[in-house]
Amino acid sequence: MAPEIHLTQPYQGAQVDLFAAAVILFIMVAGHPPFSEASPKDQYYKTIAMNKSEVFWKAHSKSKPNKDFFSDEFKALIISMLSLDPNSRPTMDDIMSNEWFNGITPSM
């Protein structure tokens, strides 16, 4: 659930859905969830909420085969979609025109 739901704040469905899509996208790429709960109490989500994304990526890169496993474009997209402030999250149009979204697609 998006942080605004955990914090019992009013929310917009599209912004909450976009947050959920970011979690799913992260799982698809990384093979595991980005955090346990989208709450400033969660050790991983707290790094995003406090604008310390470099700590978030360092922690998640430890188990990956190389330090460049997550591209800079992917990192920027995910962090923007997981923003604590729902009004700072990109729109679907922003995502559809994003460099990572329109990048090279891996093949078999």
N, C-alpha and C. Protein backbone atom coordinates (compact mmCIF):
# COMPACT_ATOMS: atom_id res chain seq x y z
N MET A 1 0.83 -1.18 0.00
CA MET A 1 0.00 0.00 0.00
C MET A 1 0.88 1.25 0.00
N ALA A 2 0.38 2.28 -0.64
CA ALA A 2 1.09 3.55 -0.70
C ALA A 2 1.18 4.19 0.69
N PRO A 3 2.20 5.01 0.92
CA PRO A 3 2.40 5.58 2.25
C PRO A 3 1.22 6.42 2.73
N GLU A 4 0.53 7.10 1.82
CA GLU A 4 -0.59 7.92 2.25
C GLU A 4 -1.71 7.08 2.86
N ILE A 5 -1.83 5.84 2.44
CA ILE A 5 -2.82 4.94 3.03
C ILE A 5 -2.37 4.52 4.43
N HIS A 6 -1.08 4.17 4.57
CA HIS A 6 -0.54 3.82 5.89
C HIS A 6 -0.66 4.98 6.87
N LEU A 7 -0.52 6.19 6.35
CA LEU A 7 -0.57 7.38 7.20
C LEU A 7 -2.00 7.89 7.38
N THR A 8 -2.97 7.13 6.88
CA THR A 8 -4.41 7.46 6.93
C THR A 8 -4.70 8.87 6.45
N GLN A 9 -4.09 9.23 5.32
CA GLN A 9 -4.31 10.52 4.69
C GLN A 9 -5.24 10.34 3.50
N PRO A 10 -5.90 11.41 3.07
CA PRO A 10 -6.70 11.32 1.84
C PRO A 10 -5.78 10.94 0.68
N TYR A 11 -6.33 10.24 -0.31
CA TYR A 11 -5.49 9.82 -1.44
C TYR A 11 -6.29 9.81 -2.73
N GLN A 12 -5.53 9.84 -3.83
CA GLN A 12 -6.09 9.75 -5.18
C GLN A 12 -5.79 8.35 -5.71
N GLY A 13 -6.78 7.71 -6.26
CA GLY A 13 -6.62 6.35 -6.76
C GLY A 13 -5.50 6.19 -7.76
N ALA A 14 -5.38 7.11 -8.70
CA ALA A 14 -4.35 7.00 -9.75
C ALA A 14 -2.95 7.05 -9.14
N GLN A 15 -2.74 7.91 -8.15
CA GLN A 15 -1.42 8.03 -7.52
C GLN A 15 -1.08 6.78 -6.71
N VAL A 16 -2.08 6.22 -6.06
CA VAL A 16 -1.88 4.99 -5.29
C VAL A 16 -1.59 3.82 -6.23
N ASP A 17 -2.32 3.75 -7.34
CA ASP A 17 -2.09 2.69 -8.32
C ASP A 17 -0.72 2.80 -8.95
N LEU A 18 -0.27 4.02 -9.20
CA LEU A 18 1.06 4.22 -9.78
C LEU A 18 2.13 3.75 -8.80
N PHE A 19 1.94 4.01 -7.52
CA PHE A 19 2.86 3.54 -6.49
C PHE A 19 2.92 2.02 -6.51
N ALA A 20 1.75 1.38 -6.57
CA ALA A 20 1.69 -0.08 -6.60
C ALA A 20 2.38 -0.63 -7.86
N ALA A 21 2.20 0.06 -8.97
CA ALA A 21 2.86 -0.37 -10.22
C ALA A 21 4.38 -0.30 -10.07
N ALA A 22 4.88 0.70 -9.35
CA ALA A 22 6.32 0.82 -9.12
C ALA A 22 6.84 -0.36 -8.31
N VAL A 23 6.08 -0.76 -7.31
CA VAL A 23 6.48 -1.92 -6.49
C VAL A 23 6.53 -3.17 -7.35
N ILE A 24 5.52 -3.36 -8.18
CA ILE A 24 5.48 -4.54 -9.06
C ILE A 24 6.63 -4.50 -10.07
N LEU A 25 6.88 -3.34 -10.66
CA LEU A 25 7.99 -3.20 -11.61
C LEU A 25 9.32 -3.52 -10.94
N PHE A 26 9.50 -3.01 -9.73
CA PHE A 26 10.74 -3.30 -9.00
C PHE A 26 10.90 -4.81 -8.79
N ILE A 27 9.82 -5.47 -8.38
CA ILE A 27 9.87 -6.92 -8.15
C ILE A 27 10.21 -7.65 -9.45
N MET A 28 9.63 -7.21 -10.56
CA MET A 28 9.90 -7.86 -11.84
C MET A 28 11.37 -7.75 -12.23
N VAL A 29 11.99 -6.61 -11.95
CA VAL A 29 13.39 -6.40 -12.32
C VAL A 29 14.34 -6.99 -11.29
N ALA A 30 14.08 -6.74 -10.01
CA ALA A 30 15.01 -7.15 -8.95
C ALA A 30 14.81 -8.58 -8.49
N GLY A 31 13.58 -9.08 -8.59
CA GLY A 31 13.29 -10.43 -8.11
C GLY A 31 12.87 -10.48 -6.66
N HIS A 32 12.69 -9.32 -6.05
CA HIS A 32 12.24 -9.24 -4.65
C HIS A 32 11.62 -7.86 -4.43
N PRO A 33 10.81 -7.71 -3.38
CA PRO A 33 10.18 -6.41 -3.12
C PRO A 33 11.19 -5.35 -2.70
N PRO A 34 10.86 -4.08 -2.91
CA PRO A 34 11.78 -3.01 -2.53
C PRO A 34 11.81 -2.74 -1.03
N PHE A 35 10.73 -3.09 -0.32
CA PHE A 35 10.61 -2.87 1.11
C PHE A 35 9.46 -3.72 1.62
N SER A 36 9.34 -3.81 2.94
CA SER A 36 8.25 -4.58 3.53
C SER A 36 6.96 -3.78 3.58
N GLU A 37 7.09 -2.50 3.88
CA GLU A 37 5.92 -1.64 4.03
C GLU A 37 6.30 -0.21 3.65
N ALA A 38 5.45 0.47 2.90
CA ALA A 38 5.72 1.84 2.48
C ALA A 38 5.41 2.79 3.63
N SER A 39 6.23 2.69 4.64
CA SER A 39 6.08 3.49 5.85
C SER A 39 7.44 4.04 6.22
N PRO A 40 7.50 5.27 6.71
CA PRO A 40 8.79 5.80 7.15
C PRO A 40 9.43 4.96 8.26
N LYS A 41 8.69 4.02 8.84
CA LYS A 41 9.25 3.12 9.85
C LYS A 41 10.05 1.98 9.21
N ASP A 42 9.77 1.67 7.95
CA ASP A 42 10.46 0.59 7.25
C ASP A 42 11.87 1.06 6.88
N GLN A 43 12.88 0.25 7.21
CA GLN A 43 14.27 0.67 6.99
C GLN A 43 14.57 1.01 5.53
N TYR A 44 13.99 0.30 4.58
CA TYR A 44 14.26 0.59 3.17
C TYR A 44 13.42 1.75 2.66
N TYR A 45 12.14 1.79 3.02
CA TYR A 45 11.31 2.88 2.52
C TYR A 45 11.73 4.21 3.14
N LYS A 46 12.24 4.16 4.38
CA LYS A 46 12.69 5.39 5.03
C LYS A 46 13.77 6.09 4.21
N THR A 47 14.64 5.32 3.56
CA THR A 47 15.69 5.94 2.76
C THR A 47 15.10 6.71 1.58
N ILE A 48 14.00 6.21 1.02
CA ILE A 48 13.33 6.92 -0.08
C ILE A 48 12.64 8.16 0.47
N ALA A 49 11.92 8.00 1.57
CA ALA A 49 11.17 9.10 2.17
C ALA A 49 12.09 10.24 2.61
N MET A 50 13.32 9.90 3.00
CA MET A 50 14.28 10.91 3.46
C MET A 50 15.21 11.40 2.34
N ASN A 51 14.86 11.08 1.10
CA ASN A 51 15.65 11.48 -0.07
C ASN A 51 17.08 10.98 -0.01
N LYS A 52 17.25 9.74 0.46
CA LYS A 52 18.56 9.10 0.52
C LYS A 52 18.55 7.85 -0.36
N SER A 53 18.15 8.05 -1.61
CA SER A 53 17.99 6.91 -2.51
C SER A 53 19.30 6.17 -2.76
N GLU A 54 20.44 6.85 -2.62
CA GLU A 54 21.71 6.16 -2.84
C GLU A 54 21.89 5.03 -1.82
N VAL A 55 21.39 5.22 -0.60
CA VAL A 55 21.45 4.18 0.43
C VAL A 55 20.53 3.02 0.05
N PHE A 56 19.34 3.35 -0.45
CA PHE A 56 18.39 2.35 -0.91
C PHE A 56 19.01 1.48 -2.00
N TRP A 57 19.61 2.11 -3.02
CA TRP A 57 20.18 1.35 -4.14
C TRP A 57 21.41 0.57 -3.73
N LYS A 58 22.20 1.12 -2.83
CA LYS A 58 23.39 0.39 -2.36
C LYS A 58 22.97 -0.90 -1.65
N ALA A 59 21.94 -0.81 -0.82
CA ALA A 59 21.45 -2.00 -0.10
C ALA A 59 20.90 -3.03 -1.07
N HIS A 60 20.16 -2.60 -2.09
CA HIS A 60 19.55 -3.55 -3.01
C HIS A 60 20.54 -4.07 -4.07
N SER A 61 21.64 -3.40 -4.24
CA SER A 61 22.63 -3.84 -5.23
C SER A 61 23.59 -4.88 -4.67
N LYS A 62 23.64 -5.02 -3.35
CA LYS A 62 24.59 -5.96 -2.72
C LYS A 62 24.42 -7.39 -3.22
N SER A 63 23.20 -7.81 -3.44
CA SER A 63 22.94 -9.20 -3.83
C SER A 63 22.90 -9.41 -5.34
N LYS A 64 23.18 -8.36 -6.10
CA LYS A 64 23.12 -8.46 -7.56
C LYS A 64 24.48 -8.83 -8.15
N PRO A 65 24.47 -9.40 -9.35
CA PRO A 65 25.72 -9.89 -9.94
C PRO A 65 26.74 -8.80 -10.26
N ASN A 66 26.30 -7.58 -10.47
CA ASN A 66 27.25 -6.49 -10.71
C ASN A 66 26.68 -5.17 -10.19
N LYS A 67 27.55 -4.20 -9.98
CA LYS A 67 27.12 -2.94 -9.39
C LYS A 67 26.23 -2.11 -10.32
N ASP A 68 26.24 -2.42 -11.59
CA ASP A 68 25.41 -1.70 -12.56
C ASP A 68 24.14 -2.46 -12.91
N PHE A 69 23.71 -3.36 -12.04
CA PHE A 69 22.52 -4.16 -12.31
C PHE A 69 21.31 -3.27 -12.57
N PHE A 70 21.15 -2.21 -11.75
CA PHE A 70 20.05 -1.26 -11.93
C PHE A 70 20.60 -0.05 -12.69
N SER A 71 20.03 0.24 -13.84
CA SER A 71 20.49 1.39 -14.61
C SER A 71 20.08 2.69 -13.91
N ASP A 72 20.79 3.76 -14.22
CA ASP A 72 20.46 5.06 -13.65
C ASP A 72 19.04 5.48 -14.05
N GLU A 73 18.63 5.15 -15.27
CA GLU A 73 17.29 5.49 -15.74
C GLU A 73 16.22 4.74 -14.95
N PHE A 74 16.48 3.45 -14.67
CA PHE A 74 15.55 2.66 -13.87
C PHE A 74 15.46 3.21 -12.45
N LYS A 75 16.61 3.50 -11.87
CA LYS A 75 16.64 4.04 -10.51
C LYS A 75 15.82 5.33 -10.41
N ALA A 76 16.03 6.23 -11.34
CA ALA A 76 15.31 7.51 -11.31
C ALA A 76 13.81 7.31 -11.46
N LEU A 77 13.41 6.41 -12.35
CA LEU A 77 11.99 6.15 -12.56
C LEU A 77 11.36 5.57 -11.29
N ILE A 78 11.98 4.56 -10.72
CA ILE A 78 11.42 3.90 -9.54
C ILE A 78 11.34 4.87 -8.36
N ILE A 79 12.40 5.62 -8.12
CA ILE A 79 12.39 6.55 -6.99
C ILE A 79 11.30 7.60 -7.17
N SER A 80 11.09 8.08 -8.39
CA SER A 80 10.04 9.07 -8.61
C SER A 80 8.66 8.46 -8.39
N MET A 81 8.47 7.22 -8.82
CA MET A 81 7.18 6.56 -8.65
C MET A 81 6.89 6.19 -7.20
N LEU A 82 7.94 5.99 -6.40
CA LEU A 82 7.78 5.62 -4.99
C LEU A 82 7.85 6.81 -4.05
N SER A 83 7.77 8.00 -4.58
CA SER A 83 7.88 9.21 -3.77
C SER A 83 6.88 9.21 -2.62
N LEU A 84 7.33 9.68 -1.46
CA LEU A 84 6.45 9.82 -0.32
C LEU A 84 5.32 10.81 -0.62
N ASP A 85 5.64 11.86 -1.33
CA ASP A 85 4.66 12.88 -1.71
C ASP A 85 3.95 12.42 -2.99
N PRO A 86 2.68 12.07 -2.90
CA PRO A 86 1.98 11.57 -4.08
C PRO A 86 1.93 12.58 -5.23
N ASN A 87 1.97 13.88 -4.90
CA ASN A 87 1.94 14.90 -5.95
C ASN A 87 3.27 15.02 -6.69
N SER A 88 4.31 14.41 -6.14
CA SER A 88 5.62 14.41 -6.80
C SER A 88 5.79 13.21 -7.75
N ARG A 89 4.89 12.26 -7.66
CA ARG A 89 4.98 11.08 -8.53
C ARG A 89 4.66 11.46 -9.97
N PRO A 90 5.29 10.79 -10.92
CA PRO A 90 5.01 11.10 -12.33
C PRO A 90 3.61 10.65 -12.73
N THR A 91 3.14 11.23 -13.81
CA THR A 91 1.86 10.79 -14.38
C THR A 91 2.14 9.62 -15.32
N MET A 92 1.09 8.97 -15.79
CA MET A 92 1.28 7.89 -16.76
C MET A 92 1.91 8.42 -18.04
N ASP A 93 1.56 9.62 -18.45
CA ASP A 93 2.19 10.22 -19.64
C ASP A 93 3.69 10.40 -19.42
N ASP A 94 4.06 10.83 -18.21
CA ASP A 94 5.49 10.97 -17.89
C ASP A 94 6.19 9.62 -17.99
N ILE A 95 5.57 8.60 -17.47
CA ILE A 95 6.17 7.26 -17.48
C ILE A 95 6.28 6.73 -18.91
N MET A 96 5.23 6.93 -19.69
CA MET A 96 5.22 6.43 -21.07
C MET A 96 6.29 7.11 -21.92
N SER A 97 6.71 8.31 -21.53
CA SER A 97 7.76 9.00 -22.29
C SER A 97 9.12 8.89 -21.61
N ASN A 98 9.19 8.14 -20.53
CA ASN A 98 10.43 7.99 -19.78
C ASN A 98 11.49 7.23 -20.58
N GLU A 99 12.74 7.63 -20.38
CA GLU A 99 13.87 7.02 -21.10
C GLU A 99 13.98 5.52 -20.83
N TRP A 100 13.81 5.09 -19.58
CA TRP A 100 13.92 3.67 -19.27
C TRP A 100 12.76 2.91 -19.91
N PHE A 101 11.57 3.44 -19.81
CA PHE A 101 10.38 2.79 -20.35
C PHE A 101 10.52 2.57 -21.86
N ASN A 102 11.14 3.50 -22.55
CA ASN A 102 11.29 3.43 -24.00
C ASN A 102 12.63 2.87 -24.44
N GLY A 103 13.38 2.33 -23.50
CA GLY A 103 14.71 1.81 -23.82
C GLY A 103 14.68 0.46 -24.48
N ILE A 104 15.84 -0.14 -24.58
CA ILE A 104 16.02 -1.45 -25.21
C ILE A 104 15.33 -2.51 -24.39
N THR A 105 14.62 -3.39 -25.06
CA THR A 105 13.93 -4.51 -24.41
C THR A 105 14.82 -5.75 -24.49
N PRO A 106 15.10 -6.37 -23.35
CA PRO A 106 15.92 -7.59 -23.39
C PRO A 106 15.21 -8.70 -24.18
N SER A 107 15.96 -9.55 -24.81
CA SER A 107 15.39 -10.67 -25.54
C SER A 107 16.00 -11.97 -25.02
N MET A 108 15.42 -13.07 -25.44
CA MET A 108 15.95 -14.37 -25.03
C MET A 108 17.30 -14.56 -25.67
